[in-house]
C-alpha atoms as a PDB file:
ATOM      1  CA  MET A   1     -54.467 -36.535  14.547  1.00  0.00           C
ATOM      2  CA  GLU A   2     -55.535 -38.526  17.367  1.00  0.00           C
ATOM      3  CA  GLN A   3     -56.437 -41.230  14.985  1.00  0.00           C
ATOM      4  CA  ILE A   4     -52.965 -41.105  13.347  1.00  0.00           C
ATOM      5  CA  VAL A   5     -51.470 -41.609  16.645  1.00  0.00           C
ATOM      6  CA  GLU A   6     -53.391 -44.503  17.396  1.00  0.00           C
ATOM      7  CA  LEU A   7     -52.598 -46.143  14.192  1.00  0.00           C
ATOM      8  CA  SER A   8     -48.975 -45.449  14.787  1.00  0.00           C
ATOM      9  CA  LYS A   9     -49.219 -47.036  18.282  1.00  0.00           C
ATOM     10  CA  ARG A  10     -51.025 -50.175  16.711  1.00  0.00           C
ATOM     11  CA  LEU A  11     -48.269 -50.539  14.172  1.00  0.00           C
ATOM     12  CA  ARG A  12     -45.534 -49.833  16.755  1.00  0.00           C
ATOM     13  CA  ILE A  13     -44.302 -46.890  15.164  1.00  0.00           C
ATOM     14  CA  SER A  14     -42.821 -43.819  17.032  1.00  0.00           C
ATOM     15  CA  THR A  15     -44.688 -40.492  16.599  1.00  0.00           C
ATOM     16  CA  VAL A  16     -43.350 -36.963  16.256  1.00  0.00           C
ATOM     17  CA  ALA A  17     -45.482 -33.991  16.561  1.00  0.00           C
ATOM     18  CA  GLU A  18     -44.088 -31.173  14.622  1.00  0.00           C
ATOM     19  CA  GLY A  19     -44.803 -27.576  15.191  1.00  0.00           C
ATOM     20  CA  VAL A  20     -45.018 -27.453  18.984  1.00  0.00           C
ATOM     21  CA  GLU A  21     -44.674 -23.698  19.652  1.00  0.00           C
ATOM     22  CA  PHE A  22     -46.402 -23.321  22.931  1.00  0.00           C
ATOM     23  CA  ALA A  23     -46.927 -25.112  26.180  1.00  0.00           C
ATOM     24  CA  GLU A  24     -50.596 -25.577  25.317  1.00  0.00           C
ATOM     25  CA  HIS A  25     -49.378 -27.536  22.141  1.00  0.00           C
ATOM     26  CA  GLU A  26     -46.911 -29.703  23.981  1.00  0.00           C
ATOM     27  CA  ALA A  27     -49.790 -30.482  26.620  1.00  0.00           C
ATOM     28  CA  TYR A  28     -52.137 -31.494  23.843  1.00  0.00           C
ATOM     29  CA  VAL A  29     -49.661 -33.867  21.985  1.00  0.00           C
ATOM     30  CA  ARG A  30     -48.796 -35.425  25.145  1.00  0.00           C
ATOM     31  CA  THR A  31     -52.517 -36.206  25.845  1.00  0.00           C
ATOM     32  CA  LEU A  32     -52.665 -37.897  22.420  1.00  0.00           C
ATOM     33  CA  GLY A  33     -49.552 -40.053  23.412  1.00  0.00           C
ATOM     34  CA  CYS A  34     -46.891 -38.823  20.898  1.00  0.00           C
ATOM     35  CA  ASP A  35     -43.578 -40.004  21.661  1.00  0.00           C
ATOM     36  CA  PHE A  36     -41.532 -36.908  20.607  1.00  0.00           C
ATOM     37  CA  GLY A  37     -42.227 -33.327  19.810  1.00  0.00           C
ATOM     38  CA  GLN A  38     -40.369 -30.868  17.619  1.00  0.00           C
ATOM     39  CA  GLY A  39     -40.674 -27.148  17.438  1.00  0.00           C
ATOM     40  CA  TYR A  40     -39.881 -23.575  18.572  1.00  0.00           C
ATOM     41  CA  TYR A  41     -41.210 -24.586  22.053  1.00  0.00           C
ATOM     42  CA  TYR A  42     -38.052 -26.905  22.706  1.00  0.00           C
ATOM     43  CA  SER A  43     -35.432 -24.847  20.607  1.00  0.00           C
ATOM     44  CA  ARG A  44     -35.159 -22.594  17.691  1.00  0.00           C
ATOM     45  CA  PRO A  45     -33.668 -24.166  14.528  1.00  0.00           C
ATOM     46  CA  LEU A  46     -29.719 -25.105  15.087  1.00  0.00           C
ATOM     47  CA  GLU A  47     -26.867 -25.254  12.807  1.00  0.00           C
ATOM     48  CA  ALA A  48     -25.541 -29.047  12.896  1.00  0.00           C
ATOM     49  CA  GLU A  49     -22.368 -28.011  14.725  1.00  0.00           C
ATOM     50  CA  GLU A  50     -24.519 -26.039  17.355  1.00  0.00           C
ATOM     51  CA  PHE A  51     -26.864 -29.064  17.815  1.00  0.00           C
ATOM     52  CA  ASN A  52     -23.984 -31.428  18.434  1.00  0.00           C
ATOM     53  CA  LYS A  53     -22.423 -29.331  20.979  1.00  0.00           C
ATOM     54  CA  LYS A  54     -25.774 -28.859  22.714  1.00  0.00           C
ATOM     55  CA  TYR A  55     -27.330 -32.378  22.522  1.00  0.00           C
ATOM     56  CA  MET A  56     -24.487 -34.832  21.566  1.00  0.00           C
ATOM     57  CA  ARG A  57     -22.155 -34.382  24.521  1.00  0.00           C
ATOM     58  CA  GLY A  58     -19.781 -37.413  25.068  1.00  0.00           C
ATOM     59  CA  ARG A  59     -20.482 -38.703  21.487  1.00  0.00           C
ATOM     60  CA  GLU A  60     -17.880 -38.743  18.872  1.00  0.00           C
ATOM     61  CA  GLU A  61     -18.578 -38.565  15.198  1.00  0.00           C
END
């Protein structure tokens, strides 16, 4: 995983660590330099409408 993140940095590609479920996971992916994290640690899966209400405030479709 460390090498993949390093390669993506060299290629100037953003990285998303999936499966972040605990604070320990988040701490680890942060030490690797991942740009983003995704998983239950941040939020349970949401329907599109619920996602828009929660995260897209002030943006029209």
